[in-house]
Amino acid sequence: MAEMKSAMNRTGLTDDECKEVAKYMVDGAKVFGAFSLVAHFLVYAWTPWF
């Protein structure tokens, strides 16, 4: 039991689980960035502000 406690951090997740969550967060941020880039381009094409 002591070994299992040392493998967990203060969130209750193992290192592998933390890396998996971080990967999903980074992937989600990339998808959000891509959508926002496309949305901004479409708004600019519709009503250019320059």
N, C-alpha and C. Protein backbone atom coordinates (compact mmCIF):
# COMPACT_ATOMS: atom_id res chain seq x y z
N MET A 1 0.82 -1.19 0.00
CA MET A 1 0.00 0.00 0.00
C MET A 1 0.87 1.26 0.00
N ALA A 2 1.98 1.21 0.70
CA ALA A 2 2.86 2.38 0.75
C ALA A 2 3.44 2.67 -0.63
N GLU A 3 3.71 1.62 -1.41
CA GLU A 3 4.24 1.84 -2.75
C GLU A 3 3.22 2.55 -3.63
N MET A 4 1.96 2.16 -3.51
CA MET A 4 0.92 2.79 -4.31
C MET A 4 0.77 4.26 -3.93
N LYS A 5 0.87 4.58 -2.66
CA LYS A 5 0.76 5.97 -2.22
C LYS A 5 1.87 6.82 -2.79
N SER A 6 3.08 6.28 -2.85
CA SER A 6 4.21 7.06 -3.36
C SER A 6 4.11 7.26 -4.86
N ALA A 7 3.41 6.37 -5.57
CA ALA A 7 3.27 6.50 -7.02
C ALA A 7 2.23 7.56 -7.39
N MET A 8 1.39 7.93 -6.44
CA MET A 8 0.36 8.93 -6.70
C MET A 8 0.86 10.31 -6.27
N ASN A 9 0.38 11.31 -6.95
CA ASN A 9 0.71 12.67 -6.51
C ASN A 9 -0.48 13.23 -5.76
N ARG A 10 -0.47 14.51 -5.48
CA ARG A 10 -1.52 15.08 -4.63
C ARG A 10 -2.89 15.13 -5.30
N THR A 11 -2.95 14.93 -6.62
CA THR A 11 -4.25 14.91 -7.31
C THR A 11 -4.92 13.55 -7.22
N GLY A 12 -4.17 12.54 -6.83
CA GLY A 12 -4.71 11.19 -6.78
C GLY A 12 -4.51 10.43 -8.08
N LEU A 13 -3.82 11.05 -9.03
CA LEU A 13 -3.55 10.40 -10.31
C LEU A 13 -2.11 9.90 -10.35
N THR A 14 -1.89 8.87 -11.13
CA THR A 14 -0.52 8.40 -11.33
C THR A 14 0.15 9.30 -12.36
N ASP A 15 1.45 9.15 -12.52
CA ASP A 15 2.18 9.96 -13.50
C ASP A 15 1.67 9.71 -14.91
N ASP A 16 1.38 8.44 -15.23
CA ASP A 16 0.86 8.13 -16.57
C ASP A 16 -0.50 8.77 -16.80
N GLU A 17 -1.35 8.76 -15.79
CA GLU A 17 -2.66 9.40 -15.92
C GLU A 17 -2.52 10.91 -16.07
N CYS A 18 -1.59 11.50 -15.36
CA CYS A 18 -1.34 12.95 -15.49
C CYS A 18 -0.88 13.30 -16.90
N LYS A 19 0.01 12.48 -17.45
CA LYS A 19 0.49 12.72 -18.81
C LYS A 19 -0.64 12.58 -19.82
N GLU A 20 -1.54 11.62 -19.60
CA GLU A 20 -2.67 11.44 -20.50
C GLU A 20 -3.61 12.64 -20.45
N VAL A 21 -3.90 13.12 -19.26
CA VAL A 21 -4.76 14.30 -19.11
C VAL A 21 -4.11 15.51 -19.76
N ALA A 22 -2.81 15.68 -19.55
CA ALA A 22 -2.10 16.82 -20.15
C ALA A 22 -2.14 16.74 -21.67
N LYS A 23 -2.01 15.53 -22.22
CA LYS A 23 -2.06 15.36 -23.68
C LYS A 23 -3.43 15.79 -24.21
N TYR A 24 -4.50 15.40 -23.52
CA TYR A 24 -5.85 15.80 -23.95
C TYR A 24 -6.03 17.31 -23.84
N MET A 25 -5.47 17.91 -22.82
CA MET A 25 -5.58 19.36 -22.66
C MET A 25 -4.86 20.09 -23.79
N VAL A 26 -3.65 19.63 -24.13
CA VAL A 26 -2.88 20.25 -25.21
C VAL A 26 -3.59 20.06 -26.54
N ASP A 27 -4.09 18.84 -26.79
CA ASP A 27 -4.82 18.59 -28.04
C ASP A 27 -6.07 19.46 -28.12
N GLY A 28 -6.77 19.60 -27.01
CA GLY A 28 -7.96 20.45 -26.99
C GLY A 28 -7.63 21.90 -27.26
N ALA A 29 -6.52 22.37 -26.72
CA ALA A 29 -6.10 23.75 -26.96
C ALA A 29 -5.74 23.96 -28.43
N LYS A 30 -5.13 22.96 -29.05
CA LYS A 30 -4.79 23.06 -30.48
C LYS A 30 -6.05 23.12 -31.33
N VAL A 31 -7.03 22.28 -31.02
CA VAL A 31 -8.29 22.28 -31.77
C VAL A 31 -9.01 23.61 -31.58
N PHE A 32 -9.06 24.10 -30.34
CA PHE A 32 -9.69 25.39 -30.07
C PHE A 32 -8.99 26.50 -30.86
N GLY A 33 -7.66 26.48 -30.88
CA GLY A 33 -6.92 27.49 -31.63
C GLY A 33 -7.20 27.43 -33.11
N ALA A 34 -7.29 26.22 -33.65
CA ALA A 34 -7.58 26.07 -35.08
C ALA A 34 -8.98 26.60 -35.41
N PHE A 35 -9.97 26.25 -34.58
CA PHE A 35 -11.33 26.75 -34.81
C PHE A 35 -11.39 28.27 -34.70
N SER A 36 -10.71 28.82 -33.72
CA SER A 36 -10.76 30.27 -33.56
C SER A 36 -10.06 30.98 -34.72
N LEU A 37 -8.99 30.39 -35.22
CA LEU A 37 -8.30 30.97 -36.37
C LEU A 37 -9.22 30.98 -37.59
N VAL A 38 -9.90 29.87 -37.84
CA VAL A 38 -10.84 29.80 -38.96
C VAL A 38 -11.99 30.78 -38.76
N ALA A 39 -12.52 30.85 -37.54
CA ALA A 39 -13.63 31.77 -37.27
C ALA A 39 -13.21 33.22 -37.50
N HIS A 40 -12.03 33.59 -37.05
CA HIS A 40 -11.56 34.96 -37.25
C HIS A 40 -11.36 35.25 -38.73
N PHE A 41 -10.84 34.30 -39.47
CA PHE A 41 -10.67 34.51 -40.91
C PHE A 41 -12.02 34.70 -41.59
N LEU A 42 -13.00 33.88 -41.22
CA LEU A 42 -14.33 34.00 -41.83
C LEU A 42 -14.98 35.34 -41.50
N VAL A 43 -14.85 35.79 -40.28
CA VAL A 43 -15.41 37.10 -39.91
C VAL A 43 -14.69 38.20 -40.67
N TYR A 44 -13.39 38.10 -40.82
CA TYR A 44 -12.64 39.11 -41.58
C TYR A 44 -13.07 39.11 -43.04
N ALA A 45 -13.27 37.92 -43.61
CA ALA A 45 -13.70 37.84 -45.01
C ALA A 45 -15.10 38.42 -45.19
N TRP A 46 -15.95 38.28 -44.19
CA TRP A 46 -17.32 38.77 -44.28
C TRP A 46 -17.39 40.28 -44.07
N THR A 47 -16.69 40.77 -43.04
CA THR A 47 -16.68 42.21 -42.74
C THR A 47 -15.25 42.63 -42.40
N PRO A 48 -14.46 42.96 -43.39
CA PRO A 48 -13.07 43.36 -43.11
C PRO A 48 -13.01 44.63 -42.26
N TRP A 49 -12.19 44.62 -41.26
CA TRP A 49 -12.10 45.78 -40.35
C TRP A 49 -10.86 46.62 -40.64
N PHE A 50 -10.14 46.32 -41.71
CA PHE A 50 -8.98 47.12 -42.09
C PHE A 50 -9.27 47.82 -43.39
